[in-house]
Amino acid sequence: MIQTISKTITFDEFVAWYPENSVHKYELHNGVIVEMPLGTGDHSEVMGFISGEINFEIRRLQLPYFIPGDCLLKPVRDEAGYQPDIIVLDRTALANEPRWKKESIITMGSSVRLAVEVVSTNWQDDYLVKVADYERLSIPEYWVVDYAALGGRRFIGNPKQPTISVYQLVDGEYQISQFRGSERIESLAFPELKLTAEQIFRAGLPN
């Protein structure tokens, strides 16, 4: 990550600051605006593959869900704001979102069916900070896709290996399941999804 402004600001100040039509992506971390690095080619392929598979499942089942082009997620605490790599929204819940129509801002976890972060060098944010914020916001399902095994050993094991960590909200707390190799991902939002960890890691490319 590249820190851009050192002054501590609020979420609303961050929204007011955000450059219109910016080619860069920014998040607010502990009151500090951070420019997110461009993903690698592999990172982009993994993101695109997951988005495509989820979109196919949404169309197949005719679910009232969609993946927005732009979306800013406001956690409960006022000094953070995130743009998940992939976020699946429930169209039927957006009528209750006060800032969606004009600002593409999500403030309630009930509007989100699934959030996905594809791990890059700032893996601590995905495994530590965002897990806590998404849990507190009551986002029902959150995937951490660590295709390059960058995360700490306490998160993905020793020796480290590519892992998908799926956090699902149970009685207000995240329960974690992990998937590797040929194991099929188990999703609350998409229980019929036929997708293995290895397929995601290979970004859908043939062996």
N, C-alpha and C. Protein backbone atom coordinates (compact mmCIF):
# COMPACT_ATOMS: atom_id res chain seq x y z
N MET A 1 0.83 -1.19 0.00
CA MET A 1 0.00 0.00 0.00
C MET A 1 0.87 1.25 0.00
N ILE A 2 0.32 2.33 -0.57
CA ILE A 2 1.03 3.59 -0.63
C ILE A 2 0.23 4.62 0.15
N GLN A 3 0.76 5.09 1.23
CA GLN A 3 0.06 6.09 2.02
C GLN A 3 0.11 7.43 1.29
N THR A 4 -1.05 8.11 1.20
CA THR A 4 -1.11 9.34 0.40
C THR A 4 -1.28 10.60 1.24
N ILE A 5 -1.99 10.51 2.36
CA ILE A 5 -2.23 11.68 3.21
C ILE A 5 -2.09 11.23 4.65
N SER A 6 -1.33 11.97 5.43
CA SER A 6 -1.06 11.55 6.80
C SER A 6 -2.10 12.06 7.79
N LYS A 7 -2.87 13.08 7.44
CA LYS A 7 -3.87 13.63 8.35
C LYS A 7 -4.98 12.61 8.60
N THR A 8 -5.37 12.46 9.85
CA THR A 8 -6.46 11.56 10.20
C THR A 8 -7.80 12.21 9.86
N ILE A 9 -8.63 11.49 9.10
CA ILE A 9 -9.92 12.05 8.68
C ILE A 9 -11.03 11.04 8.93
N THR A 10 -12.28 11.51 8.78
CA THR A 10 -13.45 10.65 8.94
C THR A 10 -13.86 10.06 7.59
N PHE A 11 -14.80 9.12 7.66
CA PHE A 11 -15.30 8.51 6.43
C PHE A 11 -15.91 9.55 5.51
N ASP A 12 -16.73 10.45 6.04
CA ASP A 12 -17.37 11.46 5.19
C ASP A 12 -16.34 12.40 4.57
N GLU A 13 -15.29 12.74 5.29
CA GLU A 13 -14.23 13.55 4.73
C GLU A 13 -13.51 12.80 3.60
N PHE A 14 -13.36 11.51 3.80
CA PHE A 14 -12.76 10.66 2.76
C PHE A 14 -13.61 10.67 1.50
N VAL A 15 -14.92 10.53 1.66
CA VAL A 15 -15.83 10.53 0.51
C VAL A 15 -15.77 11.87 -0.22
N ALA A 16 -15.74 12.97 0.55
CA ALA A 16 -15.67 14.30 -0.06
C ALA A 16 -14.35 14.51 -0.79
N TRP A 17 -13.28 13.91 -0.28
CA TRP A 17 -11.95 14.05 -0.88
C TRP A 17 -11.79 13.21 -2.14
N TYR A 18 -12.50 12.07 -2.22
CA TYR A 18 -12.23 11.07 -3.25
C TYR A 18 -12.31 11.70 -4.64
N PRO A 19 -11.25 11.60 -5.44
CA PRO A 19 -11.24 12.22 -6.77
C PRO A 19 -12.29 11.61 -7.69
N GLU A 20 -13.03 12.46 -8.39
CA GLU A 20 -14.03 11.97 -9.32
C GLU A 20 -13.36 11.32 -10.53
N ASN A 21 -13.90 10.20 -10.95
CA ASN A 21 -13.37 9.46 -12.12
C ASN A 21 -11.89 9.10 -11.97
N SER A 22 -11.48 8.81 -10.74
CA SER A 22 -10.09 8.48 -10.49
C SER A 22 -9.71 7.15 -11.11
N VAL A 23 -8.52 7.09 -11.69
CA VAL A 23 -8.03 5.81 -12.21
C VAL A 23 -7.39 4.99 -11.10
N HIS A 24 -7.19 5.60 -9.95
CA HIS A 24 -6.61 4.91 -8.80
C HIS A 24 -7.70 4.52 -7.81
N LYS A 25 -7.41 3.53 -7.01
CA LYS A 25 -8.34 3.04 -6.00
C LYS A 25 -7.81 3.39 -4.62
N TYR A 26 -8.67 3.94 -3.79
CA TYR A 26 -8.26 4.37 -2.46
C TYR A 26 -9.15 3.73 -1.40
N GLU A 27 -8.57 3.52 -0.22
CA GLU A 27 -9.33 3.09 0.95
C GLU A 27 -8.94 3.97 2.13
N LEU A 28 -9.78 3.92 3.16
CA LEU A 28 -9.50 4.66 4.39
C LEU A 28 -9.16 3.65 5.47
N HIS A 29 -7.94 3.72 5.98
CA HIS A 29 -7.47 2.79 7.01
C HIS A 29 -7.08 3.57 8.25
N ASN A 30 -7.86 3.37 9.34
CA ASN A 30 -7.58 4.06 10.60
C ASN A 30 -7.45 5.57 10.41
N GLY A 31 -8.36 6.12 9.58
CA GLY A 31 -8.40 7.56 9.39
C GLY A 31 -7.39 8.10 8.40
N VAL A 32 -6.63 7.23 7.75
CA VAL A 32 -5.61 7.66 6.80
C VAL A 32 -5.97 7.15 5.40
N ILE A 33 -5.94 8.05 4.41
CA ILE A 33 -6.21 7.67 3.03
C ILE A 33 -5.03 6.90 2.48
N VAL A 34 -5.33 5.76 1.87
CA VAL A 34 -4.30 4.89 1.34
C VAL A 34 -4.61 4.59 -0.12
N GLU A 35 -3.62 4.77 -0.99
CA GLU A 35 -3.77 4.37 -2.39
C GLU A 35 -3.44 2.90 -2.51
N MET A 36 -4.36 2.14 -3.07
CA MET A 36 -4.16 0.71 -3.20
C MET A 36 -3.33 0.42 -4.45
N PRO A 37 -2.36 -0.47 -4.35
CA PRO A 37 -1.52 -0.76 -5.51
C PRO A 37 -2.30 -1.49 -6.59
N LEU A 38 -1.88 -1.30 -7.83
CA LEU A 38 -2.47 -2.06 -8.92
C LEU A 38 -2.15 -3.54 -8.73
N GLY A 39 -3.14 -4.38 -8.99
CA GLY A 39 -2.92 -5.81 -8.85
C GLY A 39 -2.02 -6.35 -9.95
N THR A 40 -1.37 -7.44 -9.68
CA THR A 40 -0.58 -8.12 -10.71
C THR A 40 -1.52 -8.77 -11.72
N GLY A 41 -0.95 -9.26 -12.80
CA GLY A 41 -1.75 -9.97 -13.78
C GLY A 41 -2.46 -11.17 -13.19
N ASP A 42 -1.73 -11.95 -12.36
CA ASP A 42 -2.34 -13.12 -11.72
C ASP A 42 -3.49 -12.71 -10.81
N HIS A 43 -3.27 -11.65 -10.03
CA HIS A 43 -4.30 -11.13 -9.13
C HIS A 43 -5.55 -10.77 -9.92
N SER A 44 -5.37 -10.07 -11.04
CA SER A 44 -6.50 -9.65 -11.86
C SER A 44 -7.22 -10.85 -12.47
N GLU A 45 -6.46 -11.86 -12.90
CA GLU A 45 -7.09 -13.05 -13.48
C GLU A 45 -7.92 -13.80 -12.45
N VAL A 46 -7.41 -13.92 -11.23
CA VAL A 46 -8.16 -14.60 -10.17
C VAL A 46 -9.45 -13.84 -9.86
N MET A 47 -9.34 -12.51 -9.74
CA MET A 47 -10.54 -11.69 -9.50
C MET A 47 -11.56 -11.87 -10.61
N GLY A 48 -11.10 -11.78 -11.87
CA GLY A 48 -12.00 -11.89 -12.99
C GLY A 48 -12.67 -13.25 -13.07
N PHE A 49 -11.90 -14.30 -12.76
CA PHE A 49 -12.46 -15.65 -12.80
C PHE A 49 -13.55 -15.83 -11.75
N ILE A 50 -13.28 -15.38 -10.52
CA ILE A 50 -14.28 -15.51 -9.46
C ILE A 50 -15.54 -14.72 -9.81
N SER A 51 -15.35 -13.48 -10.28
CA SER A 51 -16.51 -12.65 -10.65
C SER A 51 -17.34 -13.33 -11.73
N GLY A 52 -16.67 -13.90 -12.74
CA GLY A 52 -17.39 -14.56 -13.81
C GLY A 52 -18.19 -15.76 -13.33
N GLU A 53 -17.57 -16.58 -12.46
CA GLU A 53 -18.27 -17.76 -11.94
C GLU A 53 -19.47 -17.36 -11.08
N ILE A 54 -19.31 -16.33 -10.27
CA ILE A 54 -20.42 -15.89 -9.42
C ILE A 54 -21.53 -15.26 -10.26
N ASN A 55 -21.16 -14.47 -11.25
CA ASN A 55 -22.17 -13.89 -12.13
C ASN A 55 -22.96 -14.97 -12.86
N PHE A 56 -22.26 -16.01 -13.29
CA PHE A 56 -22.94 -17.13 -13.95
C PHE A 56 -23.95 -17.77 -13.01
N GLU A 57 -23.55 -17.96 -11.75
CA GLU A 57 -24.45 -18.57 -10.77
C GLU A 57 -25.65 -17.68 -10.48
N ILE A 58 -25.43 -16.38 -10.42
CA ILE A 58 -26.54 -15.44 -10.21
C ILE A 58 -27.54 -15.54 -11.36
N ARG A 59 -27.03 -15.57 -12.59
CA ARG A 59 -27.92 -15.67 -13.75
C ARG A 59 -28.61 -17.02 -13.80
N ARG A 60 -27.86 -18.07 -13.52
CA ARG A 60 -28.42 -19.42 -13.60
C ARG A 60 -29.61 -19.59 -12.66
N LEU A 61 -29.47 -19.06 -11.44
CA LEU A 61 -30.51 -19.21 -10.43
C LEU A 61 -31.48 -18.03 -10.39
N GLN A 62 -31.22 -17.03 -11.26
CA GLN A 62 -32.06 -15.83 -11.32
C GLN A 62 -32.19 -15.18 -9.94
N LEU A 63 -31.06 -15.02 -9.28
CA LEU A 63 -31.04 -14.40 -7.96
C LEU A 63 -31.06 -12.88 -8.08
N PRO A 64 -31.61 -12.19 -7.09
CA PRO A 64 -31.67 -10.72 -7.14
C PRO A 64 -30.36 -10.09 -6.67
N TYR A 65 -29.25 -10.63 -7.11
CA TYR A 65 -27.93 -10.16 -6.70
C TYR A 65 -27.19 -9.58 -7.90
N PHE A 66 -26.16 -8.77 -7.61
CA PHE A 66 -25.29 -8.28 -8.68
C PHE A 66 -23.96 -7.85 -8.08
N ILE A 67 -22.95 -7.78 -8.95
CA ILE A 67 -21.63 -7.28 -8.56
C ILE A 67 -21.49 -5.88 -9.13
N PRO A 68 -21.43 -4.85 -8.29
CA PRO A 68 -21.38 -3.48 -8.81
C PRO A 68 -20.03 -3.12 -9.41
N GLY A 69 -20.07 -2.16 -10.33
CA GLY A 69 -18.81 -1.67 -10.89
C GLY A 69 -18.03 -0.85 -9.88
N ASP A 70 -18.73 -0.05 -9.09
CA ASP A 70 -18.12 0.77 -8.05
C ASP A 70 -18.93 0.62 -6.78
N CYS A 71 -18.23 0.53 -5.67
CA CYS A 71 -18.92 0.41 -4.38
C CYS A 71 -17.94 0.74 -3.27
N LEU A 72 -18.38 1.59 -2.37
CA LEU A 72 -17.58 1.92 -1.19
C LEU A 72 -18.31 1.39 0.03
N LEU A 73 -17.59 0.63 0.84
CA LEU A 73 -18.18 -0.02 2.01
C LEU A 73 -17.78 0.73 3.27
N LYS A 74 -18.78 1.18 4.03
CA LYS A 74 -18.50 1.89 5.28
C LYS A 74 -18.68 0.97 6.47
N PRO A 75 -17.59 0.62 7.17
CA PRO A 75 -17.72 -0.17 8.39
C PRO A 75 -18.41 0.61 9.50
N VAL A 76 -18.64 -0.04 10.62
CA VAL A 76 -19.29 0.61 11.75
C VAL A 76 -18.44 1.77 12.25
N ARG A 77 -17.16 1.55 12.39
CA ARG A 77 -16.29 2.64 12.86
C ARG A 77 -16.09 3.66 11.76
N ASP A 78 -15.92 4.91 12.16
CA ASP A 78 -15.97 6.02 11.21
C ASP A 78 -14.63 6.32 10.55
N GLU A 79 -13.57 5.60 10.94
CA GLU A 79 -12.25 5.92 10.39
C GLU A 79 -11.80 4.90 9.36
N ALA A 80 -12.75 4.20 8.73
CA ALA A 80 -12.40 3.20 7.72
C ALA A 80 -13.40 3.24 6.57
N GLY A 81 -12.93 2.87 5.39
CA GLY A 81 -13.77 2.75 4.21
C GLY A 81 -13.07 1.84 3.22
N TYR A 82 -13.76 0.82 2.70
CA TYR A 82 -13.12 -0.19 1.87
C TYR A 82 -13.81 -0.35 0.52
N GLN A 83 -13.03 -0.82 -0.45
CA GLN A 83 -13.55 -1.24 -1.75
C GLN A 83 -13.14 -2.69 -1.95
N PRO A 84 -13.96 -3.65 -1.54
CA PRO A 84 -13.58 -5.06 -1.69
C PRO A 84 -13.26 -5.39 -3.15
N ASP A 85 -12.36 -6.35 -3.34
CA ASP A 85 -12.03 -6.78 -4.70
C ASP A 85 -13.28 -7.23 -5.44
N ILE A 86 -14.16 -7.95 -4.73
CA ILE A 86 -15.45 -8.35 -5.28
C ILE A 86 -16.48 -8.19 -4.17
N ILE A 87 -17.62 -7.63 -4.50
CA ILE A 87 -18.71 -7.56 -3.53
C ILE A 87 -20.01 -7.89 -4.24
N VAL A 88 -20.80 -8.77 -3.64
CA VAL A 88 -22.08 -9.17 -4.20
C VAL A 88 -23.17 -8.52 -3.35
N LEU A 89 -24.00 -7.71 -4.00
CA LEU A 89 -25.05 -6.99 -3.30
C LEU A 89 -26.41 -7.61 -3.58
N ASP A 90 -27.30 -7.46 -2.61
CA ASP A 90 -28.68 -7.93 -2.72
C ASP A 90 -29.53 -6.74 -3.17
N ARG A 91 -29.99 -6.79 -4.40
CA ARG A 91 -30.74 -5.67 -4.96
C ARG A 91 -31.98 -5.34 -4.13
N THR A 92 -32.61 -6.36 -3.54
CA THR A 92 -33.84 -6.13 -2.77
C THR A 92 -33.58 -5.37 -1.48
N ALA A 93 -32.33 -5.36 -1.01
CA ALA A 93 -32.01 -4.67 0.25
C ALA A 93 -31.57 -3.23 0.06
N LEU A 94 -31.28 -2.86 -1.18
CA LEU A 94 -30.70 -1.54 -1.41
C LEU A 94 -31.67 -0.38 -1.17
N ALA A 95 -32.97 -0.67 -1.16
CA ALA A 95 -33.94 0.38 -0.86
C ALA A 95 -33.74 0.96 0.54
N ASN A 96 -33.12 0.17 1.41
CA ASN A 96 -32.88 0.62 2.79
C ASN A 96 -31.52 1.29 2.97
N GLU A 97 -30.75 1.36 1.90
CA GLU A 97 -29.42 1.98 1.98
C GLU A 97 -29.53 3.48 1.67
N PRO A 98 -29.31 4.34 2.67
CA PRO A 98 -29.54 5.78 2.46
C PRO A 98 -28.57 6.44 1.49
N ARG A 99 -27.39 5.82 1.25
CA ARG A 99 -26.38 6.49 0.45
C ARG A 99 -26.04 5.76 -0.85
N TRP A 100 -26.81 4.72 -1.16
CA TRP A 100 -26.48 3.93 -2.34
C TRP A 100 -26.77 4.68 -3.64
N LYS A 101 -27.95 5.22 -3.80
CA LYS A 101 -28.36 5.81 -5.07
C LYS A 101 -27.44 6.92 -5.53
N LYS A 102 -27.05 7.79 -4.62
CA LYS A 102 -26.27 8.97 -5.00
C LYS A 102 -24.76 8.76 -4.88
N GLU A 103 -24.35 7.84 -4.00
CA GLU A 103 -22.92 7.75 -3.71
C GLU A 103 -22.32 6.36 -3.88
N SER A 104 -23.12 5.36 -4.17
CA SER A 104 -22.64 3.97 -4.26
C SER A 104 -21.96 3.52 -2.96
N ILE A 105 -22.52 3.95 -1.83
CA ILE A 105 -21.98 3.61 -0.51
C ILE A 105 -22.91 2.61 0.17
N ILE A 106 -22.31 1.55 0.70
CA ILE A 106 -23.04 0.53 1.45
C ILE A 106 -22.72 0.71 2.94
N THR A 107 -23.76 0.79 3.76
CA THR A 107 -23.58 1.03 5.19
C THR A 107 -24.10 -0.11 6.06
N MET A 108 -24.78 -1.10 5.44
CA MET A 108 -25.38 -2.19 6.20
C MET A 108 -24.94 -3.54 5.67
N GLY A 109 -24.53 -4.39 6.57
CA GLY A 109 -24.09 -5.73 6.16
C GLY A 109 -25.20 -6.54 5.53
N SER A 110 -26.46 -6.22 5.84
CA SER A 110 -27.59 -6.97 5.28
C SER A 110 -27.75 -6.75 3.78
N SER A 111 -27.08 -5.72 3.24
CA SER A 111 -27.13 -5.48 1.80
C SER A 111 -26.13 -6.34 1.04
N VAL A 112 -25.22 -6.95 1.76
CA VAL A 112 -24.12 -7.70 1.16
C VAL A 112 -24.36 -9.20 1.31
N ARG A 113 -24.22 -9.93 0.22
CA ARG A 113 -24.31 -11.38 0.29
C ARG A 113 -22.92 -12.00 0.42
N LEU A 114 -21.92 -11.36 -0.19
CA LEU A 114 -20.57 -11.90 -0.16
C LEU A 114 -19.57 -10.80 -0.45
N ALA A 115 -18.49 -10.77 0.32
CA ALA A 115 -17.35 -9.90 0.04
C ALA A 115 -16.13 -10.78 -0.16
N VAL A 116 -15.28 -10.42 -1.12
CA VAL A 116 -14.10 -11.21 -1.44
C VAL A 116 -12.88 -10.29 -1.52
N GLU A 117 -11.81 -10.69 -0.85
CA GLU A 117 -10.53 -10.02 -1.00
C GLU A 117 -9.52 -11.03 -1.54
N VAL A 118 -8.86 -10.67 -2.63
CA VAL A 118 -7.78 -11.48 -3.19
C VAL A 118 -6.48 -10.94 -2.61
N VAL A 119 -5.76 -11.78 -1.91
CA VAL A 119 -4.63 -11.34 -1.09
C VAL A 119 -3.48 -10.82 -1.96
N SER A 120 -2.92 -9.69 -1.53
CA SER A 120 -1.68 -9.18 -2.12
C SER A 120 -0.70 -8.93 -0.96
N THR A 121 0.27 -8.07 -1.17
CA THR A 121 1.33 -7.92 -0.17
C THR A 121 0.82 -7.36 1.15
N ASN A 122 -0.31 -6.67 1.14
CA ASN A 122 -0.87 -6.14 2.39
C ASN A 122 -1.84 -7.15 3.03
N TRP A 123 -1.37 -8.39 3.16
CA TRP A 123 -2.25 -9.47 3.61
C TRP A 123 -2.78 -9.28 5.02
N GLN A 124 -2.05 -8.52 5.85
CA GLN A 124 -2.53 -8.30 7.22
C GLN A 124 -3.90 -7.63 7.24
N ASP A 125 -4.13 -6.72 6.29
CA ASP A 125 -5.43 -6.05 6.24
C ASP A 125 -6.55 -7.05 6.00
N ASP A 126 -6.34 -7.99 5.09
CA ASP A 126 -7.38 -8.94 4.74
C ASP A 126 -7.67 -9.93 5.87
N TYR A 127 -6.62 -10.40 6.53
CA TYR A 127 -6.78 -11.43 7.57
C TYR A 127 -7.08 -10.86 8.96
N LEU A 128 -6.72 -9.63 9.21
CA LEU A 128 -6.88 -9.07 10.55
C LEU A 128 -7.91 -7.93 10.59
N VAL A 129 -7.62 -6.87 9.86
CA VAL A 129 -8.43 -5.65 9.97
C VAL A 129 -9.81 -5.84 9.35
N LYS A 130 -9.85 -6.30 8.11
CA LYS A 130 -11.13 -6.39 7.41
C LYS A 130 -12.01 -7.50 7.98
N VAL A 131 -11.41 -8.59 8.43
CA VAL A 131 -12.21 -9.64 9.07
C VAL A 131 -12.99 -9.05 10.24
N ALA A 132 -12.33 -8.26 11.08
CA ALA A 132 -12.99 -7.68 12.24
C ALA A 132 -14.07 -6.68 11.83
N ASP A 133 -13.76 -5.84 10.85
CA ASP A 133 -14.73 -4.83 10.43
C ASP A 133 -15.93 -5.47 9.73
N TYR A 134 -15.70 -6.48 8.90
CA TYR A 134 -16.81 -7.13 8.20
C TYR A 134 -17.68 -7.92 9.18
N GLU A 135 -17.05 -8.51 10.19
CA GLU A 135 -17.82 -9.23 11.21
C GLU A 135 -18.69 -8.26 11.99
N ARG A 136 -18.13 -7.14 12.38
CA ARG A 136 -18.89 -6.16 13.16
C ARG A 136 -20.03 -5.56 12.34
N LEU A 137 -19.84 -5.45 11.03
CA LEU A 137 -20.89 -4.94 10.15
C LEU A 137 -21.93 -6.01 9.84
N SER A 138 -21.66 -7.24 10.25
CA SER A 138 -22.56 -8.39 10.04
C SER A 138 -22.70 -8.76 8.56
N ILE A 139 -21.58 -8.66 7.83
CA ILE A 139 -21.56 -9.20 6.47
C ILE A 139 -21.57 -10.73 6.59
N PRO A 140 -22.55 -11.41 5.98
CA PRO A 140 -22.75 -12.84 6.27
C PRO A 140 -21.65 -13.76 5.77
N GLU A 141 -20.92 -13.33 4.72
CA GLU A 141 -19.89 -14.22 4.17
C GLU A 141 -18.75 -13.41 3.59
N TYR A 142 -17.52 -13.85 3.89
CA TYR A 142 -16.32 -13.14 3.45
C TYR A 142 -15.27 -14.16 3.07
N TRP A 143 -14.73 -14.03 1.84
CA TRP A 143 -13.67 -14.93 1.38
C TRP A 143 -12.34 -14.18 1.35
N VAL A 144 -11.30 -14.84 1.84
CA VAL A 144 -9.93 -14.36 1.66
C VAL A 144 -9.25 -15.36 0.73
N VAL A 145 -8.96 -14.93 -0.48
CA VAL A 145 -8.41 -15.81 -1.51
C VAL A 145 -6.91 -15.57 -1.59
N ASP A 146 -6.16 -16.50 -1.02
CA ASP A 146 -4.70 -16.35 -0.92
C ASP A 146 -4.04 -17.31 -1.90
N TYR A 147 -4.12 -16.96 -3.20
CA TYR A 147 -3.66 -17.86 -4.26
C TYR A 147 -2.14 -18.01 -4.28
N ALA A 148 -1.41 -17.03 -3.75
CA ALA A 148 0.05 -17.08 -3.75
C ALA A 148 0.63 -17.43 -2.39
N ALA A 149 -0.23 -17.81 -1.44
CA ALA A 149 0.21 -18.18 -0.08
C ALA A 149 1.07 -17.09 0.55
N LEU A 150 0.56 -15.86 0.52
CA LEU A 150 1.29 -14.72 1.08
C LEU A 150 1.01 -14.52 2.57
N GLY A 151 -0.11 -15.00 3.05
CA GLY A 151 -0.52 -14.76 4.42
C GLY A 151 0.39 -15.41 5.44
N GLY A 152 0.27 -14.96 6.68
CA GLY A 152 1.06 -15.50 7.76
C GLY A 152 0.75 -16.97 8.03
N ARG A 153 1.72 -17.68 8.60
CA ARG A 153 1.54 -19.11 8.85
C ARG A 153 0.41 -19.39 9.83
N ARG A 154 0.14 -18.45 10.72
CA ARG A 154 -0.96 -18.67 11.67
C ARG A 154 -2.32 -18.63 10.99
N PHE A 155 -2.35 -18.12 9.75
CA PHE A 155 -3.61 -18.06 9.00
C PHE A 155 -3.73 -19.19 7.98
N ILE A 156 -2.64 -19.59 7.34
CA ILE A 156 -2.75 -20.58 6.26
C ILE A 156 -1.90 -21.82 6.50
N GLY A 157 -1.32 -21.93 7.69
CA GLY A 157 -0.61 -23.15 8.03
C GLY A 157 0.88 -23.11 7.70
N ASN A 158 1.57 -24.12 8.18
CA ASN A 158 3.01 -24.25 7.99
C ASN A 158 3.31 -25.70 7.57
N PRO A 159 3.86 -25.92 6.38
CA PRO A 159 4.30 -24.93 5.39
C PRO A 159 3.11 -24.20 4.76
N LYS A 160 3.37 -22.98 4.33
CA LYS A 160 2.32 -22.17 3.73
C LYS A 160 1.92 -22.76 2.38
N GLN A 161 0.64 -22.72 2.09
CA GLN A 161 0.14 -23.19 0.81
C GLN A 161 -1.08 -22.37 0.41
N PRO A 162 -1.35 -22.26 -0.89
CA PRO A 162 -2.51 -21.49 -1.33
C PRO A 162 -3.78 -21.95 -0.63
N THR A 163 -4.54 -20.99 -0.13
CA THR A 163 -5.69 -21.30 0.73
C THR A 163 -6.80 -20.30 0.48
N ILE A 164 -8.02 -20.78 0.49
CA ILE A 164 -9.19 -19.90 0.50
C ILE A 164 -9.83 -20.03 1.87
N SER A 165 -9.87 -18.93 2.59
CA SER A 165 -10.49 -18.90 3.92
C SER A 165 -11.88 -18.30 3.77
N VAL A 166 -12.90 -19.06 4.16
CA VAL A 166 -14.28 -18.62 4.05
C VAL A 166 -14.82 -18.37 5.46
N TYR A 167 -15.16 -17.11 5.70
CA TYR A 167 -15.72 -16.69 6.99
C TYR A 167 -17.23 -16.56 6.83
N GLN A 168 -17.97 -17.26 7.69
CA GLN A 168 -19.43 -17.21 7.62
C GLN A 168 -19.97 -16.84 9.00
N LEU A 169 -20.93 -15.92 8.99
CA LEU A 169 -21.46 -15.37 10.23
C LEU A 169 -22.42 -16.35 10.89
N VAL A 170 -22.12 -16.75 12.11
CA VAL A 170 -22.96 -17.65 12.90
C VAL A 170 -23.14 -17.03 14.28
N ASP A 171 -24.38 -16.68 14.61
CA ASP A 171 -24.68 -16.05 15.90
C ASP A 171 -23.80 -14.82 16.14
N GLY A 172 -23.62 -14.03 15.08
CA GLY A 172 -22.89 -12.77 15.20
C GLY A 172 -21.38 -12.88 15.18
N GLU A 173 -20.86 -14.11 15.01
CA GLU A 173 -19.41 -14.29 14.97
C GLU A 173 -19.03 -15.09 13.73
N TYR A 174 -17.85 -14.78 13.19
CA TYR A 174 -17.38 -15.52 12.03
C TYR A 174 -16.85 -16.89 12.43
N GLN A 175 -17.32 -17.90 11.69
CA GLN A 175 -16.75 -19.24 11.76
C GLN A 175 -15.96 -19.43 10.47
N ILE A 176 -14.78 -19.99 10.57
CA ILE A 176 -13.91 -20.08 9.41
C ILE A 176 -13.77 -21.51 8.91
N SER A 177 -13.86 -21.67 7.59
CA SER A 177 -13.55 -22.93 6.91
C SER A 177 -12.48 -22.62 5.87
N GLN A 178 -11.56 -23.56 5.66
CA GLN A 178 -10.49 -23.33 4.69
C GLN A 178 -10.49 -24.43 3.63
N PHE A 179 -10.15 -24.01 2.40
CA PHE A 179 -10.22 -24.91 1.26
C PHE A 179 -8.92 -24.82 0.47
N ARG A 180 -8.44 -25.99 0.05
CA ARG A 180 -7.19 -26.09 -0.71
C ARG A 180 -7.35 -27.17 -1.77
N GLY A 181 -6.51 -27.10 -2.79
CA GLY A 181 -6.47 -28.15 -3.80
C GLY A 181 -7.81 -28.41 -4.45
N SER A 182 -8.22 -29.66 -4.48
CA SER A 182 -9.45 -30.07 -5.16
C SER A 182 -10.70 -29.94 -4.29
N GLU A 183 -10.56 -29.35 -3.12
CA GLU A 183 -11.71 -29.20 -2.23
C GLU A 183 -12.71 -28.18 -2.81
N ARG A 184 -13.97 -28.52 -2.76
CA ARG A 184 -15.02 -27.65 -3.29
C ARG A 184 -15.37 -26.57 -2.27
N ILE A 185 -15.45 -25.34 -2.74
CA ILE A 185 -15.80 -24.22 -1.87
C ILE A 185 -17.22 -24.39 -1.37
N GLU A 186 -17.41 -24.21 -0.07
CA GLU A 186 -18.75 -24.27 0.53
C GLU A 186 -19.18 -22.84 0.86
N SER A 187 -20.23 -22.39 0.19
CA SER A 187 -20.68 -21.01 0.31
C SER A 187 -22.11 -20.93 0.80
N LEU A 188 -22.37 -20.04 1.74
CA LEU A 188 -23.74 -19.78 2.19
C LEU A 188 -24.54 -19.07 1.11
N ALA A 189 -23.91 -18.10 0.48
CA ALA A 189 -24.60 -17.30 -0.53
C ALA A 189 -24.91 -18.10 -1.78
N PHE A 190 -23.99 -19.03 -2.12
CA PHE A 190 -24.13 -19.81 -3.36
C PHE A 190 -23.89 -21.28 -3.05
N PRO A 191 -24.85 -21.92 -2.38
CA PRO A 191 -24.64 -23.30 -1.94
C PRO A 191 -24.49 -24.31 -3.07
N GLU A 192 -24.93 -23.97 -4.28
CA GLU A 192 -24.82 -24.89 -5.41
C GLU A 192 -23.58 -24.62 -6.25
N LEU A 193 -22.75 -23.69 -5.83
CA LEU A 193 -21.56 -23.33 -6.59
C LEU A 193 -20.61 -24.52 -6.67
N LYS A 194 -20.27 -24.91 -7.88
CA LYS A 194 -19.36 -26.03 -8.09
C LYS A 194 -18.00 -25.49 -8.52
N LEU A 195 -17.21 -25.15 -7.53
CA LEU A 195 -15.94 -24.49 -7.77
C LEU A 195 -14.93 -24.97 -6.74
N THR A 196 -13.79 -25.41 -7.19
CA THR A 196 -12.76 -25.87 -6.26
C THR A 196 -11.73 -24.78 -6.04
N ALA A 197 -10.98 -24.93 -4.97
CA ALA A 197 -9.91 -23.99 -4.67
C ALA A 197 -8.91 -23.94 -5.82
N GLU A 198 -8.53 -25.10 -6.34
CA GLU A 198 -7.53 -25.15 -7.41
C GLU A 198 -7.99 -24.44 -8.67
N GLN A 199 -9.26 -24.55 -8.99
CA GLN A 199 -9.79 -23.84 -10.15
C GLN A 199 -9.61 -22.33 -9.99
N ILE A 200 -9.83 -21.85 -8.80
CA ILE A 200 -9.66 -20.42 -8.54
C ILE A 200 -8.19 -20.05 -8.62
N PHE A 201 -7.33 -20.86 -8.01
CA PHE A 201 -5.91 -20.55 -8.00
C PHE A 201 -5.33 -20.50 -9.41
N ARG A 202 -5.85 -21.33 -10.27
CA ARG A 202 -5.38 -21.36 -11.66
C ARG A 202 -6.13 -20.37 -12.54
N ALA A 203 -7.02 -19.60 -11.92
CA ALA A 203 -7.79 -18.57 -12.64
C ALA A 203 -8.52 -19.15 -13.84
N GLY A 204 -8.96 -20.40 -13.71
CA GLY A 204 -9.75 -21.02 -14.76
C GLY A 204 -8.97 -21.48 -15.96
N LEU A 205 -7.64 -21.37 -15.91
CA LEU A 205 -6.84 -21.79 -17.06
C LEU A 205 -6.63 -23.29 -17.02
N PRO A 206 -6.53 -23.96 -18.16
CA PRO A 206 -6.28 -25.40 -18.18
C PRO A 206 -4.89 -25.71 -17.67
N ASN A 207 -4.70 -26.93 -17.14
CA ASN A 207 -3.39 -27.33 -16.65
C ASN A 207 -2.36 -27.36 -17.78
